[in-house]
Amino acid sequence: MLIVLSDSDFKPGEAQLVNQLFGAGLDLFHIRKYGASEESLLELIGQIDPEFHSGLVLHHDHEWGKSIGLKRFHYSERDRLNWKQQNWFGVREEFMYSTSVHSMEEYNGLPGHFSYAFLSPVFDSISKIDYKAVTFDLEKRRNPATKLIGLGGIQQENISEVFRMGFDGVALLGAIWHSENPLESFVGAQLIAYPSIENK
């Protein structure tokens, strides 16, 4: 599984690039723009081809996202813990949920309604200064219901290593938005990654 996370800021031509990424084989695009207005989010989503909307994942404003027809929602660690305190109130089978964790213990403790989880940072972050790699022991993995997605510092040069570690997929952020040619960077990573994946 190949995932791209948005930058926190809106980028010129962002929707066009997202369309190109999906056209090139992107599985999911995470919209992560905390504090953005609903109008700005709606403008971005409206410029993304409707055929790709099923692959959009919203990190915030979940109820609003449901109101415009989105089906995939990501929960930060903080939001997940708040939701847990509510006994997972409102979880519904028609929606897909994902979350972020920073340890194998957190990952192993996730309930089954999370279809996948980001575990980070796998490598030194490209987009966050001083966000350094952590060594994770994936042999301690005990959660067959939730796919494990590597995040943090992943790019063309090291993407194969992520799958050798035992991750089910990767999420790209800095490798895309800090690249002079984001589409080329994605395609390059994809060509290296897919031979390492038994099931895309």
Protein backbone atom coordinates (compact mmCIF):
# COMPACT_ATOMS: atom_id res chain seq x y z
CA MET A 1 0.00 0.00 0.00
CA LEU A 2 1.32 3.42 -1.00
CA ILE A 3 -0.09 6.46 0.77
CA VAL A 4 0.70 10.16 0.40
CA LEU A 5 0.00 12.68 3.16
CA SER A 6 -0.73 16.27 2.25
CA ASP A 7 1.47 19.07 3.45
CA SER A 8 -0.09 21.15 6.22
CA ASP A 9 -0.28 24.15 3.86
CA PHE A 10 -2.16 24.32 0.58
CA LYS A 11 0.17 24.05 -2.39
CA PRO A 12 -0.25 25.60 -5.85
CA GLY A 13 -1.64 22.98 -8.20
CA GLU A 14 -2.13 20.53 -5.31
CA ALA A 15 -5.38 19.01 -6.57
CA GLN A 16 -3.93 18.54 -10.06
CA LEU A 17 -0.94 16.74 -8.57
CA VAL A 18 -3.22 14.54 -6.45
CA ASN A 19 -5.13 13.57 -9.60
CA GLN A 20 -1.83 12.68 -11.28
CA LEU A 21 -0.70 10.64 -8.27
CA PHE A 22 -3.93 8.64 -8.25
CA GLY A 23 -3.59 8.17 -11.98
CA ALA A 24 -0.08 6.82 -11.41
CA GLY A 25 -1.29 4.27 -8.86
CA LEU A 26 -1.61 6.06 -5.52
CA ASP A 27 -3.78 4.06 -3.11
CA LEU A 28 -4.82 6.74 -0.60
CA PHE A 29 -4.35 10.49 -0.12
CA HIS A 30 -4.51 11.81 3.44
CA ILE A 31 -5.79 15.37 3.79
CA ARG A 32 -4.00 16.78 6.83
CA LYS A 33 -4.60 20.52 7.05
CA TYR A 34 -5.53 21.30 10.64
CA GLY A 35 -7.12 24.71 11.03
CA ALA A 36 -8.07 25.06 7.36
CA SER A 37 -11.52 26.45 6.66
CA GLU A 38 -14.27 24.21 5.36
CA GLU A 39 -14.38 26.41 2.26
CA SER A 40 -10.70 25.81 1.53
CA LEU A 41 -11.02 22.08 2.12
CA LEU A 42 -14.10 21.89 -0.07
CA GLU A 43 -12.30 23.77 -2.85
CA LEU A 44 -9.41 21.30 -2.74
CA ILE A 45 -11.66 18.24 -2.66
CA GLY A 46 -13.84 19.69 -5.41
CA GLN A 47 -10.82 19.92 -7.70
CA ILE A 48 -9.93 16.27 -7.15
CA ASP A 49 -11.63 13.99 -9.67
CA PRO A 50 -14.74 12.37 -8.15
CA GLU A 51 -13.47 8.93 -9.21
CA PHE A 52 -10.67 9.35 -6.65
CA HIS A 53 -12.80 10.56 -3.73
CA SER A 54 -13.05 7.02 -2.36
CA GLY A 55 -9.31 7.21 -1.76
CA LEU A 56 -9.40 10.45 0.26
CA VAL A 57 -8.75 10.24 4.01
CA LEU A 58 -9.59 13.19 6.27
CA HIS A 59 -7.53 13.84 9.42
CA HIS A 60 -9.90 16.32 11.04
CA ASP A 61 -13.41 17.77 10.76
CA HIS A 62 -14.71 14.22 10.55
CA GLU A 63 -18.39 15.04 10.91
CA TRP A 64 -18.12 17.64 8.19
CA GLY A 65 -16.33 15.11 6.02
CA LYS A 66 -19.18 12.66 6.47
CA SER A 67 -21.64 15.38 5.44
CA ILE A 68 -19.92 15.76 2.06
CA GLY A 69 -19.75 12.02 1.43
CA LEU A 70 -16.23 11.05 2.52
CA LYS A 71 -15.85 7.56 3.99
CA ARG A 72 -12.29 7.42 5.35
CA PHE A 73 -11.13 9.15 8.53
CA HIS A 74 -7.79 9.29 10.31
CA TYR A 75 -7.38 9.80 14.04
CA SER A 76 -4.27 11.34 15.56
CA GLU A 77 -3.00 9.73 18.74
CA ARG A 78 -4.72 12.41 20.81
CA ASP A 79 -8.01 12.14 18.95
CA ARG A 80 -7.90 8.36 19.23
CA LEU A 81 -7.42 8.49 23.00
CA ASN A 82 -10.34 10.93 23.30
CA TRP A 83 -12.48 8.60 21.20
CA LYS A 84 -11.46 5.64 23.36
CA GLN A 85 -12.69 7.49 26.44
CA GLN A 86 -16.07 7.67 24.69
CA ASN A 87 -15.99 3.87 24.22
CA TRP A 88 -15.61 4.35 20.44
CA PHE A 89 -19.02 6.00 20.25
CA GLY A 90 -20.33 6.26 16.69
CA VAL A 91 -18.06 3.70 15.01
CA ARG A 92 -19.84 2.46 11.89
CA GLU A 93 -19.07 -0.32 9.45
CA GLU A 94 -19.55 1.85 6.36
CA PHE A 95 -16.58 4.02 7.32
CA MET A 96 -12.87 3.18 7.24
CA TYR A 97 -10.71 4.32 10.15
CA SER A 98 -6.96 4.73 10.52
CA THR A 99 -4.74 6.15 13.23
CA SER A 100 -1.16 6.99 14.24
CA VAL A 101 0.97 5.19 16.82
CA HIS A 102 4.55 5.54 18.00
CA SER A 103 5.22 2.17 19.61
CA MET A 104 4.46 -1.49 19.02
CA GLU A 105 2.59 -1.57 22.34
CA GLU A 106 0.19 1.11 21.11
CA TYR A 107 -0.23 -0.69 17.81
CA ASN A 108 -0.91 -4.07 19.42
CA GLY A 109 -3.57 -2.49 21.63
CA LEU A 110 -5.64 -1.03 18.80
CA PRO A 111 -9.21 -2.30 18.36
CA GLY A 112 -10.16 -4.01 15.13
CA HIS A 113 -12.09 -1.12 13.60
CA PHE A 114 -8.80 0.57 12.64
CA SER A 115 -7.93 -0.81 9.21
CA TYR A 116 -4.34 0.47 9.33
CA ALA A 117 -2.03 2.51 11.51
CA PHE A 118 0.97 4.72 10.83
CA LEU A 119 4.03 3.81 12.90
CA SER A 120 6.66 6.53 12.97
CA PRO A 121 9.34 7.70 12.63
CA VAL A 122 10.94 4.84 10.68
CA PHE A 123 13.78 7.07 9.42
CA ASP A 124 14.86 10.62 10.22
CA SER A 125 12.03 12.88 9.07
CA ILE A 126 12.43 14.90 5.89
CA SER A 127 9.80 17.48 6.84
CA LYS A 128 10.37 17.78 10.61
CA ILE A 129 13.76 18.88 11.93
CA ASP A 130 15.00 16.82 14.90
CA TYR A 131 12.32 14.14 14.38
CA LYS A 132 14.73 11.22 14.49
CA ALA A 133 14.31 7.56 13.60
CA VAL A 134 13.21 5.03 16.20
CA THR A 135 14.04 1.32 16.04
CA PHE A 136 10.84 -0.73 16.15
CA ASP A 137 10.83 -4.46 16.82
CA LEU A 138 8.17 -5.72 14.42
CA GLU A 139 8.65 -9.26 15.74
CA LYS A 140 6.49 -8.05 18.66
CA ARG A 141 3.60 -7.47 16.29
CA ARG A 142 0.38 -8.98 17.68
CA ASN A 143 -2.39 -7.21 15.78
CA PRO A 144 -3.48 -9.16 12.68
CA ALA A 145 -6.57 -6.98 12.13
CA THR A 146 -4.74 -3.69 11.53
CA LYS A 147 -2.22 -3.17 8.74
CA LEU A 148 1.01 -1.47 9.72
CA ILE A 149 2.17 1.47 7.59
CA GLY A 150 5.66 2.95 7.93
CA LEU A 151 5.94 6.74 8.08
CA GLY A 152 8.83 9.14 8.55
CA GLY A 153 11.76 9.86 6.26
CA ILE A 154 10.69 7.31 3.64
CA GLN A 155 11.84 8.01 0.11
CA GLN A 156 13.01 6.22 -3.00
CA GLU A 157 16.41 5.40 -1.52
CA ASN A 158 15.11 3.49 1.50
CA ILE A 159 11.58 2.38 0.64
CA SER A 160 12.58 -1.25 0.01
CA GLU A 161 14.03 -1.45 3.52
CA VAL A 162 10.62 -0.57 4.98
CA PHE A 163 9.05 -3.67 3.45
CA ARG A 164 12.00 -5.81 4.48
CA MET A 165 11.32 -4.68 8.05
CA GLY A 166 7.84 -6.19 7.77
CA PHE A 167 5.58 -3.18 7.16
CA ASP A 168 2.47 -3.65 5.01
CA GLY A 169 2.85 -0.30 3.27
CA VAL A 170 4.44 3.11 3.36
CA ALA A 171 3.29 6.70 3.70
CA LEU A 172 5.17 9.49 1.93
CA LEU A 173 5.18 13.12 3.00
CA GLY A 174 8.49 14.98 2.75
CA ALA A 175 9.60 12.84 -0.20
CA ILE A 176 6.71 14.33 -2.17
CA TRP A 177 6.32 17.90 -0.93
CA HIS A 178 10.04 18.64 -0.62
CA SER A 179 10.73 17.30 -4.11
CA GLU A 180 11.29 19.46 -7.18
CA ASN A 181 9.24 16.90 -9.12
CA PRO A 182 6.71 15.26 -6.76
CA LEU A 183 5.14 13.02 -9.42
CA GLU A 184 8.52 11.74 -10.54
CA SER A 185 9.50 11.08 -6.92
CA PHE A 186 6.30 9.11 -6.35
CA VAL A 187 6.69 7.03 -9.50
CA GLY A 188 10.31 6.29 -8.63
CA ALA A 189 9.35 5.12 -5.16
CA GLN A 190 6.47 3.09 -6.57
CA LEU A 191 8.69 1.24 -9.07
CA ILE A 192 10.99 0.18 -6.25
CA ALA A 193 8.24 -0.62 -3.74
CA TYR A 194 5.76 -2.67 -5.72
CA PRO A 195 8.06 -5.60 -6.51
CA SER A 196 8.46 -5.91 -2.73
CA ILE A 197 4.71 -6.10 -2.12
CA GLU A 198 2.90 -9.39 -2.56
CA ASN A 199 -0.49 -7.69 -2.59
CA LYS A 200 -0.68 -4.03 -3.58
